[in-house]
C-alpha atoms as a PDB file:
ATOM      1  CA  MET A   1     236.456  93.054  80.434  1.00  0.00           C
ATOM      2  CA  ASN A   2     233.807  94.932  82.313  1.00  0.00           C
ATOM      3  CA  PRO A   3     233.649  98.774  82.250  1.00  0.00           C
ATOM      4  CA  ASP A   4     235.614  99.135  85.517  1.00  0.00           C
ATOM      5  CA  GLN A   5     238.394  96.878  84.237  1.00  0.00           C
ATOM      6  CA  THR A   6     238.499  98.764  80.933  1.00  0.00           C
ATOM      7  CA  ALA A   7     238.747 102.076  82.803  1.00  0.00           C
ATOM      8  CA  HIS A   8     241.633 100.681  84.879  1.00  0.00           C
ATOM      9  CA  VAL A   9     243.536  99.561  81.767  1.00  0.00           C
ATOM     10  CA  ARG A  10     242.820 102.921  80.119  1.00  0.00           C
ATOM     11  CA  ALA A  11     244.261 104.694  83.186  1.00  0.00           C
ATOM     12  CA  HIS A  12     247.420 102.587  82.777  1.00  0.00           C
ATOM     13  CA  VAL A  13     247.711 103.515  79.098  1.00  0.00           C
ATOM     14  CA  ALA A  14     247.453 107.204  79.981  1.00  0.00           C
ATOM     15  CA  ALA A  15     249.977 106.842  82.817  1.00  0.00           C
ATOM     16  CA  VAL A  16     252.475 104.858  80.724  1.00  0.00           C
ATOM     17  CA  SER A  17     252.086 107.395  77.907  1.00  0.00           C
ATOM     18  CA  LYS A  18     252.921 110.199  80.352  1.00  0.00           C
ATOM     19  CA  LEU A  19     255.911 108.273  81.742  1.00  0.00           C
ATOM     20  CA  LEU A  20     257.309 107.582  78.269  1.00  0.00           C
ATOM     21  CA  LEU A  21     256.518 110.910  76.584  1.00  0.00           C
ATOM     22  CA  GLY A  22     256.646 113.405  79.438  1.00  0.00           C
ATOM     23  CA  ASN A  23     254.849 116.458  78.083  1.00  0.00           C
ATOM     24  CA  LYS A  24     255.609 115.760  74.426  1.00  0.00           C
ATOM     25  CA  ILE A  25     252.730 115.195  71.991  1.00  0.00           C
ATOM     26  CA  MET A  26     252.490 111.745  70.412  1.00  0.00           C
ATOM     27  CA  ASN A  27     252.905 111.913  66.634  1.00  0.00           C
ATOM     28  CA  PRO A  28     251.950 109.503  63.858  1.00  0.00           C
ATOM     29  CA  GLY A  29     254.441 106.657  63.704  1.00  0.00           C
ATOM     30  CA  LEU A  30     253.891 105.570  67.317  1.00  0.00           C
ATOM     31  CA  MET A  31     251.048 103.717  69.038  1.00  0.00           C
ATOM     32  CA  ILE A  32     250.601 102.505  72.594  1.00  0.00           C
ATOM     33  CA  LEU A  33     248.110  99.649  72.837  1.00  0.00           C
ATOM     34  CA  ALA A  34     246.880  97.434  75.667  1.00  0.00           C
ATOM     35  CA  GLY A  35     245.107  94.121  76.027  1.00  0.00           C
ATOM     36  CA  ASP A  36     245.455  90.510  77.023  1.00  0.00           C
ATOM     37  CA  PRO A  37     248.890  88.859  76.774  1.00  0.00           C
ATOM     38  CA  LEU A  38     249.686  88.114  73.135  1.00  0.00           C
ATOM     39  CA  ALA A  39     250.032  84.576  71.850  1.00  0.00           C
ATOM     40  CA  HIS A  40     252.789  84.066  69.282  1.00  0.00           C
ATOM     41  CA  SER A  41     250.291  84.149  66.390  1.00  0.00           C
ATOM     42  CA  GLN A  42     248.951  87.476  67.679  1.00  0.00           C
ATOM     43  CA  GLN A  43     252.479  88.888  67.919  1.00  0.00           C
ATOM     44  CA  VAL A  44     253.001  87.916  64.271  1.00  0.00           C
ATOM     45  CA  ALA A  45     249.705  89.557  63.262  1.00  0.00           C
ATOM     46  CA  PHE A  46     250.529  92.765  65.159  1.00  0.00           C
ATOM     47  CA  GLY A  47     254.013  92.720  63.629  1.00  0.00           C
ATOM     48  CA  ARG A  48     252.575  92.482  60.122  1.00  0.00           C
ATOM     49  CA  THR A  49     250.221  95.339  60.859  1.00  0.00           C
ATOM     50  CA  ALA A  50     253.088  97.426  62.235  1.00  0.00           C
ATOM     51  CA  VAL A  51     255.132  96.807  59.077  1.00  0.00           C
ATOM     52  CA  GLU A  52     252.211  97.625  56.768  1.00  0.00           C
ATOM     53  CA  ALA A  53     251.441 100.838  58.659  1.00  0.00           C
ATOM     54  CA  GLN A  54     255.116 101.612  59.477  1.00  0.00           C
ATOM     55  CA  VAL A  55     254.116 102.346  63.081  1.00  0.00           C
ATOM     56  CA  ASP A  56     256.229 101.542  66.144  1.00  0.00           C
ATOM     57  CA  LEU A  57     254.114  99.780  68.776  1.00  0.00           C
ATOM     58  CA  VAL A  58     254.259  99.564  72.551  1.00  0.00           C
ATOM     59  CA  TYR A  59     251.845  96.858  73.697  1.00  0.00           C
ATOM     60  CA  LEU A  60     250.935  96.725  77.390  1.00  0.00           C
ATOM     61  CA  GLU A  61     249.903  93.226  78.462  1.00  0.00           C
ATOM     62  CA  PHE A  62     247.287  92.746  81.175  1.00  0.00           C
ATOM     63  CA  ALA A  63     245.952  89.758  83.093  1.00  0.00           C
ATOM     64  CA  ILE A  64     243.082  89.780  85.560  1.00  0.00           C
ATOM     65  CA  GLY A  65     244.494  89.718  89.067  1.00  0.00           C
ATOM     66  CA  GLU A  66     243.213  89.637  92.612  1.00  0.00           C
ATOM     67  CA  GLY A  67     239.779  91.184  93.048  1.00  0.00           C
ATOM     68  CA  ASP A  68     239.186  91.048  89.288  1.00  0.00           C
ATOM     69  CA  VAL A  69     241.521  94.045  88.797  1.00  0.00           C
ATOM     70  CA  PRO A  70     243.674  94.032  85.633  1.00  0.00           C
ATOM     71  CA  VAL A  71     247.412  93.866  86.343  1.00  0.00           C
ATOM     72  CA  MET A  72     250.053  94.911  83.822  1.00  0.00           C
ATOM     73  CA  THR A  73     252.191  91.803  83.317  1.00  0.00           C
ATOM     74  CA  GLY A  74     254.589  92.943  80.622  1.00  0.00           C
ATOM     75  CA  ILE A  75     255.395  95.180  77.698  1.00  0.00           C
ATOM     76  CA  THR A  76     256.058  94.153  74.113  1.00  0.00           C
ATOM     77  CA  VAL A  77     257.844  96.506  71.714  1.00  0.00           C
ATOM     78  CA  MET A  78     257.424  96.111  67.944  1.00  0.00           C
ATOM     79  CA  LEU A  79     259.702  98.046  65.629  1.00  0.00           C
ATOM     80  CA  PRO A  80     258.964  97.796  61.902  1.00  0.00           C
ATOM     81  CA  ARG A  81     262.034  98.580  59.849  1.00  0.00           C
ATOM     82  CA  ASP A  82     261.520  98.286  56.104  1.00  0.00           C
ATOM     83  CA  THR A  83     259.854  94.877  55.625  1.00  0.00           C
ATOM     84  CA  VAL A  84     260.966  93.336  58.942  1.00  0.00           C
ATOM     85  CA  CYS A  85     259.444  93.792  62.391  1.00  0.00           C
ATOM     86  CA  TYR A  86     261.731  93.462  65.411  1.00  0.00           C
ATOM     87  CA  VAL A  87     259.845  92.269  68.487  1.00  0.00           C
ATOM     88  CA  SER A  88     261.015  92.451  72.085  1.00  0.00           C
ATOM     89  CA  THR A  89     258.785  90.772  74.677  1.00  0.00           C
ATOM     90  CA  GLY A  90     258.837  90.745  78.460  1.00  0.00           C
ATOM     91  CA  CYS A  91     259.990  94.357  78.699  1.00  0.00           C
ATOM     92  CA  ARG A  92     259.534  96.665  81.669  1.00  0.00           C
ATOM     93  CA  LEU A  93     259.752 100.365  82.467  1.00  0.00           C
ATOM     94  CA  SER A  94     262.741 102.025  84.127  1.00  0.00           C
ATOM     95  CA  LEU A  95     262.942 105.572  85.464  1.00  0.00           C
ATOM     96  CA  VAL A  96     266.574 106.661  85.658  1.00  0.00           C
ATOM     97  CA  PRO A  97     267.438 109.087  88.490  1.00  0.00           C
ATOM     98  CA  GLY A  98     267.363 112.681  87.288  1.00  0.00           C
ATOM     99  CA  LYS A  99     265.401 111.859  84.134  1.00  0.00           C
ATOM    100  CA  ALA A 100     261.828 113.014  83.590  1.00  0.00           C
ATOM    101  CA  ARG A 101     260.883 110.212  81.184  1.00  0.00           C
ATOM    102  CA  ALA A 102     260.974 106.459  81.585  1.00  0.00           C
ATOM    103  CA  VAL A 103     262.637 104.098  79.141  1.00  0.00           C
ATOM    104  CA  ILE A 104     261.649 100.550  78.187  1.00  0.00           C
ATOM    105  CA  VAL A 105     264.090  97.827  79.167  1.00  0.00           C
ATOM    106  CA  PRO A 106     264.113  94.451  77.368  1.00  0.00           C
ATOM    107  CA  GLN A 107     264.542  91.137  79.155  1.00  0.00           C
ATOM    108  CA  ASP A 108     267.729  90.428  81.054  1.00  0.00           C
ATOM    109  CA  GLY A 109     270.621  89.665  78.755  1.00  0.00           C
ATOM    110  CA  ALA A 110     269.827  92.368  76.204  1.00  0.00           C
ATOM    111  CA  GLN A 111     272.487  95.043  76.045  1.00  0.00           C
ATOM    112  CA  SER A 112     270.199  97.894  75.067  1.00  0.00           C
ATOM    113  CA  HIS A 113     267.025  99.731  75.985  1.00  0.00           C
ATOM    114  CA  PHE A 114     264.319 101.684  74.161  1.00  0.00           C
ATOM    115  CA  LYS A 115     263.657 105.407  74.314  1.00  0.00           C
ATOM    116  CA  VAL A 116     260.243 106.561  73.170  1.00  0.00           C
ATOM    117  CA  LEU A 117     260.233 109.719  71.077  1.00  0.00           C
ATOM    118  CA  PRO A 118     256.996 111.450  70.030  1.00  0.00           C
ATOM    119  CA  GLY A 119     256.771 109.562  66.708  1.00  0.00           C
ATOM    120  CA  GLU A 120     259.070 106.566  67.050  1.00  0.00           C
ATOM    121  CA  ILE A 121     260.972 104.236  69.342  1.00  0.00           C
ATOM    122  CA  VAL A 122     264.758 104.338  69.286  1.00  0.00           C
ATOM    123  CA  GLN A 123     266.943 101.474  70.466  1.00  0.00           C
ATOM    124  CA  VAL A 124     269.815 102.757  72.598  1.00  0.00           C
ATOM    125  CA  ARG A 125     272.975 100.773  73.343  1.00  0.00           C
ATOM    126  CA  GLY A 126     273.647  99.798  76.940  1.00  0.00           C
ATOM    127  CA  ARG A 127     271.436  99.274  79.936  1.00  0.00           C
ATOM    128  CA  PRO A 128     270.158 102.234  81.982  1.00  0.00           C
ATOM    129  CA  ALA A 129     272.087 103.098  85.122  1.00  0.00           C
ATOM    130  CA  SER A 130     270.783 101.623  88.384  1.00  0.00           C
ATOM    131  CA  LEU A 131     268.461  99.287  86.493  1.00  0.00           C
ATOM    132  CA  ALA A 132     266.763  97.546  89.430  1.00  0.00           C
ATOM    133  CA  ALA A 133     266.207 100.807  91.310  1.00  0.00           C
ATOM    134  CA  GLY A 134     264.998 102.444  88.081  1.00  0.00           C
ATOM    135  CA  CYS A 135     262.425  99.696  87.539  1.00  0.00           C
ATOM    136  CA  ASP A 136     261.245 100.101  91.138  1.00  0.00           C
ATOM    137  CA  ARG A 137     260.950 103.883  90.646  1.00  0.00           C
ATOM    138  CA  ALA A 138     258.944 103.375  87.448  1.00  0.00           C
ATOM    139  CA  ILE A 139     256.553 100.938  89.173  1.00  0.00           C
ATOM    140  CA  ALA A 140     256.016 103.371  92.037  1.00  0.00           C
ATOM    141  CA  LYS A 141     255.492 106.364  89.730  1.00  0.00           C
ATOM    142  CA  LEU A 142     253.117 104.370  87.531  1.00  0.00           C
ATOM    143  CA  ALA A 143     251.035 103.383  90.578  1.00  0.00           C
ATOM    144  CA  VAL A 144     250.731 107.032  91.639  1.00  0.00           C
ATOM    145  CA  LEU A 145     249.757 108.182  88.140  1.00  0.00           C
ATOM    146  CA  VAL A 146     247.143 105.422  87.818  1.00  0.00           C
ATOM    147  CA  ARG A 147     245.747 106.141  91.291  1.00  0.00           C
ATOM    148  CA  ASP A 148     245.638 109.930  90.884  1.00  0.00           C
ATOM    149  CA  GLY A 149     244.857 109.981  87.175  1.00  0.00           C
ATOM    150  CA  VAL A 150     246.750 111.867  84.523  1.00  0.00           C
ATOM    151  CA  ASP A 151     245.477 114.276  81.891  1.00  0.00           C
ATOM    152  CA  VAL A 152     246.860 113.464  78.443  1.00  0.00           C
ATOM    153  CA  ALA A 153     244.212 115.407  76.487  1.00  0.00           C
ATOM    154  CA  GLY A 154     245.825 117.115  73.521  1.00  0.00           C
ATOM    155  CA  GLN A 155     248.897 114.932  73.947  1.00  0.00           C
ATOM    156  CA  VAL A 156     247.675 111.386  73.330  1.00  0.00           C
ATOM    157  CA  ALA A 157     244.426 110.237  71.701  1.00  0.00           C
ATOM    158  CA  LEU A 158     243.003 107.498  73.942  1.00  0.00           C
ATOM    159  CA  GLN A 159     240.558 105.156  72.255  1.00  0.00           C
ATOM    160  CA  THR A 160     238.717 102.137  73.609  1.00  0.00           C
ATOM    161  CA  TRP A 161     237.686  99.322  71.264  1.00  0.00           C
END
Protein backbone atom coordinates (compact mmCIF):
# COMPACT_ATOMS: atom_id res chain seq x y z
CA MET A 1 0.00 0.00 0.00
CA ASN A 2 1.11 3.52 -0.65
CA PRO A 3 1.12 6.17 2.14
CA ASP A 4 -2.33 7.53 1.17
CA GLN A 5 -3.86 4.05 1.24
CA THR A 6 -2.21 3.32 4.60
CA ALA A 7 -3.57 6.59 6.01
CA HIS A 8 -7.06 5.65 4.78
CA VAL A 9 -6.90 2.23 6.45
CA ARG A 10 -5.54 3.83 9.62
CA ALA A 11 -8.49 6.26 9.63
CA HIS A 12 -10.82 3.24 9.43
CA VAL A 13 -9.09 1.56 12.37
CA ALA A 14 -9.50 4.71 14.45
CA ALA A 15 -13.15 5.08 13.41
CA VAL A 16 -14.01 1.42 14.06
CA SER A 17 -12.24 1.63 17.43
CA LYS A 18 -14.39 4.65 18.34
CA LEU A 19 -17.58 2.90 17.16
CA LEU A 20 -16.81 -0.24 19.18
CA LEU A 21 -15.36 1.36 22.32
CA GLY A 22 -17.13 4.71 22.52
CA ASN A 23 -15.01 6.74 24.92
CA LYS A 24 -13.61 3.76 26.82
CA ILE A 25 -9.85 3.14 26.82
CA MET A 26 -8.65 -0.05 25.14
CA ASN A 27 -6.93 -2.36 27.62
CA PRO A 28 -4.51 -5.26 27.16
CA GLY A 29 -6.40 -8.34 26.04
CA LEU A 30 -7.87 -6.69 22.93
CA MET A 31 -6.37 -5.72 19.57
CA ILE A 32 -7.90 -4.24 16.45
CA LEU A 33 -5.83 -4.98 13.35
CA ALA A 34 -6.27 -4.28 9.64
CA GLY A 35 -4.85 -5.57 6.39
CA ASP A 36 -5.55 -7.58 3.29
CA PRO A 37 -8.21 -10.31 3.43
CA LEU A 38 -6.86 -13.33 5.29
CA ALA A 39 -6.30 -16.65 3.58
CA HIS A 40 -7.17 -19.70 5.68
CA SER A 41 -3.51 -20.31 6.56
CA GLN A 42 -3.22 -16.71 7.77
CA GLN A 43 -6.36 -17.10 9.89
CA VAL A 44 -4.76 -20.16 11.50
CA ALA A 45 -1.52 -18.25 12.14
CA PHE A 46 -3.37 -15.28 13.66
CA GLY A 47 -5.44 -17.70 15.74
CA ARG A 48 -2.31 -19.35 17.12
CA THR A 49 -0.86 -15.96 17.96
CA ALA A 50 -4.09 -14.93 19.68
CA VAL A 51 -4.04 -18.11 21.79
CA GLU A 52 -0.37 -17.69 22.72
CA ALA A 53 -0.89 -14.04 23.69
CA GLN A 54 -4.44 -14.59 25.06
CA VAL A 55 -5.61 -11.51 23.14
CA ASP A 56 -9.02 -11.13 21.49
CA LEU A 57 -8.63 -9.86 17.92
CA VAL A 58 -10.81 -7.82 15.60
CA TYR A 59 -9.32 -7.95 12.11
CA LEU A 60 -10.57 -5.45 9.53
CA GLU A 61 -10.16 -6.76 5.98
CA PHE A 62 -9.44 -4.36 3.13
CA ALA A 63 -9.26 -4.69 -0.65
CA ILE A 64 -8.22 -1.98 -3.08
CA GLY A 65 -11.31 -0.53 -4.69
CA GLU A 66 -12.18 2.07 -7.27
CA GLY A 67 -9.62 4.84 -7.60
CA ASP A 68 -7.05 2.76 -5.70
CA VAL A 69 -8.85 3.52 -2.40
CA PRO A 70 -8.92 0.71 0.19
CA VAL A 71 -12.42 -0.57 0.96
CA MET A 72 -13.29 -2.48 4.13
CA THR A 73 -14.68 -5.80 2.90
CA GLY A 74 -15.25 -7.65 6.15
CA ILE A 75 -14.41 -8.21 9.78
CA THR A 76 -12.96 -11.33 11.36
CA VAL A 77 -13.23 -11.92 15.11
CA MET A 78 -10.79 -14.26 16.89
CA LEU A 79 -11.50 -15.29 20.45
CA PRO A 80 -8.83 -17.37 22.20
CA ARG A 81 -10.30 -19.36 25.05
CA ASP A 82 -7.81 -21.58 26.85
CA THR A 83 -6.02 -23.48 24.05
CA VAL A 84 -8.71 -23.03 21.37
CA CYS A 85 -9.34 -20.01 19.15
CA TYR A 86 -12.90 -19.40 17.94
CA VAL A 87 -12.96 -17.58 14.61
CA SER A 88 -15.92 -15.81 13.04
CA THR A 89 -15.41 -14.46 9.51
CA GLY A 90 -17.52 -12.24 7.30
CA CYS A 91 -18.76 -10.13 10.20
CA ARG A 92 -20.10 -6.59 9.99
CA LEU A 93 -20.87 -3.68 12.30
CA SER A 94 -24.34 -2.83 13.58
CA LEU A 95 -25.38 0.30 15.46
CA VAL A 96 -28.57 -0.38 17.42
CA PRO A 97 -30.94 2.59 17.83
CA GLY A 98 -30.36 4.36 21.14
CA LYS A 99 -26.96 2.75 21.70
CA ALA A 100 -23.72 4.72 21.61
CA ARG A 101 -21.50 1.78 20.64
CA ALA A 102 -21.65 -0.58 17.70
CA VAL A 103 -21.60 -4.35 17.99
CA ILE A 104 -20.11 -6.92 15.61
CA VAL A 105 -22.58 -9.22 13.89
CA PRO A 106 -21.48 -12.60 12.49
CA GLN A 107 -22.69 -13.98 9.17
CA ASP A 108 -26.36 -14.68 8.65
CA GLY A 109 -27.49 -17.80 10.45
CA ALA A 110 -25.53 -17.14 13.65
CA GLN A 111 -27.77 -16.54 16.63
CA SER A 112 -25.44 -14.21 18.48
CA HIS A 113 -23.37 -11.07 18.18
CA PHE A 114 -20.18 -9.68 19.73
CA LYS A 115 -19.86 -6.77 22.13
CA VAL A 116 -16.43 -5.22 22.45
CA LEU A 117 -15.40 -4.31 25.98
CA PRO A 118 -12.19 -2.39 26.73
CA GLY A 119 -10.11 -5.56 27.21
CA GLU A 120 -12.09 -8.37 25.63
CA ILE A 121 -14.85 -9.40 23.25
CA VAL A 122 -17.98 -10.97 24.68
CA GLN A 123 -20.34 -13.14 22.66
CA VAL A 124 -23.96 -12.21 23.35
CA ARG A 125 -26.93 -14.46 22.57
CA GLY A 126 -29.42 -13.26 19.98
CA ARG A 127 -29.20 -10.89 17.07
CA PRO A 128 -29.37 -7.11 17.59
CA ALA A 129 -32.74 -5.47 17.05
CA SER A 130 -33.38 -3.97 13.61
CA LEU A 131 -30.31 -5.71 12.20
CA ALA A 132 -30.43 -4.42 8.61
CA ALA A 133 -31.13 -0.84 9.70
CA GLY A 134 -28.41 -1.14 12.36
CA CYS A 135 -25.85 -2.25 9.77
CA ASP A 136 -26.86 0.68 7.55
CA ARG A 137 -26.49 3.09 10.50
CA ALA A 138 -23.04 1.68 11.30
CA ILE A 139 -21.89 2.07 7.67
CA ALA A 140 -23.11 5.66 7.58
CA LYS A 141 -21.53 6.54 10.94
CA LEU A 142 -18.26 4.88 9.94
CA ALA A 143 -18.15 6.91 6.70
CA VAL A 144 -18.62 10.16 8.64
CA LEU A 145 -15.94 9.26 11.19
CA VAL A 146 -13.47 8.30 8.45
CA ARG A 147 -14.23 11.46 6.45
CA ASP A 148 -14.07 13.84 9.42
CA GLY A 149 -11.39 11.99 11.36
CA VAL A 150 -11.59 10.89 14.96
CA ASP A 151 -9.18 11.50 17.81
CA VAL A 152 -8.41 8.30 19.72
CA ALA A 153 -5.21 9.58 21.36
CA GLY A 154 -5.00 8.29 24.92
CA GLN A 155 -7.71 5.76 24.14
CA VAL A 156 -6.21 3.49 21.49
CA ALA A 157 -2.55 3.11 20.46
CA LEU A 158 -2.49 3.19 16.65
CA GLN A 159 0.58 1.62 15.07
CA THR A 160 1.49 1.16 11.43
CA TRP A 161 3.75 -1.72 10.39
